[in-house]
Amino acid sequence: MGTTIHPTAVIAPGAYLADNVTVGPYCVIADDVQIGEGTQLQAHVVLESGVRIGKNCRIWPACVIGGPPQDHKYRGERSHVTIGDNNTVREFSTIHRAVGEGAATRIGNDDMLMAYVHVGHNCEIGSGNTISSYAGLSGHVTVEDNTVIGGMCGCHQYSRIGKLAMVGGICKVNQDIPPFMIADGVPARVIDLNRIGLRRYGVPPSVRSALRQAYKLIYRSNLNLTQAIERIEEDLEPSEELEYLVAFMRGTQSGFGGRGNERPRR
């Protein structure tokens, strides 16, 4: 089966479509767009210049990918959206390209963006994530791997959501959500360890137990974060997951307003 292009689609001469790509009715594909093998665009999808989409993705109707960033700093410089393989982007979602010459908004592999999701400029999304309907990620947000973000969740610019974290619906994320944690509320705050997620991804019981103790030291003791990290490193059995959690928390400390991606203000 070769590439299939509906006669109503508009494709610029400088676009590249690999084998077995499907382009549905009324799609618009600009110059300097690359689409990987087996990817399907349903009706009315718009791909602006600078978009790179990998293999076997499904882009549902009325999505706009690669639109200019909603940022006053943007001056028309050339930037990109890069999307990996096996991703699903459901109806009416928007993914904006980055601010900064040559910069990119990036999405990994095997992600699902449900209907009406917005991914702002310069976001970095890893792999295996589920971002539920109407969630919005402001600029420079990092979402690591295998997270779940609830519907209508709003993420403040420069915030980070760590791997295997779960964020409840209708949350206001204005600070980092560390890896392996569950967060909920307005504003969102960590309420528990994501034990089910850890077990599902094969984290051993001994490591889950140590992470549970680390959670209690950080969130359920009278220690400040520096003291909690010291206790974690002194008292708990080291593991890759525990070291990752500590490194993430130190990144939050070095940022501004509880957001590790935001540089301290002078």
Foldseek 3Di string as FASTA:
>chain_A
DFEAEDPQEAADPQEAEDTQEYHEHHEYHYHQEYEEHNEYEYYCEYEYHAEYEYHNEYEEHQEYEAAAAPDPQADPADWHEYEYYAEYEYANEYEYAAGDHHYGAYAEHAEYHYHHEYHGHCEAEYHQEYEDALEYEYACEYEYHNEYEEHNEYEDHLAYEEYLEYEYHNEDHDAHHFPQFYWYDHPIDTDAGNVVSCVVVPPDPLVVVLVRVLCCLDPVDPDDPVVSLVCSVPPHDDDPVSVRRSVVVVLLVQAPPNRSRHHDDD
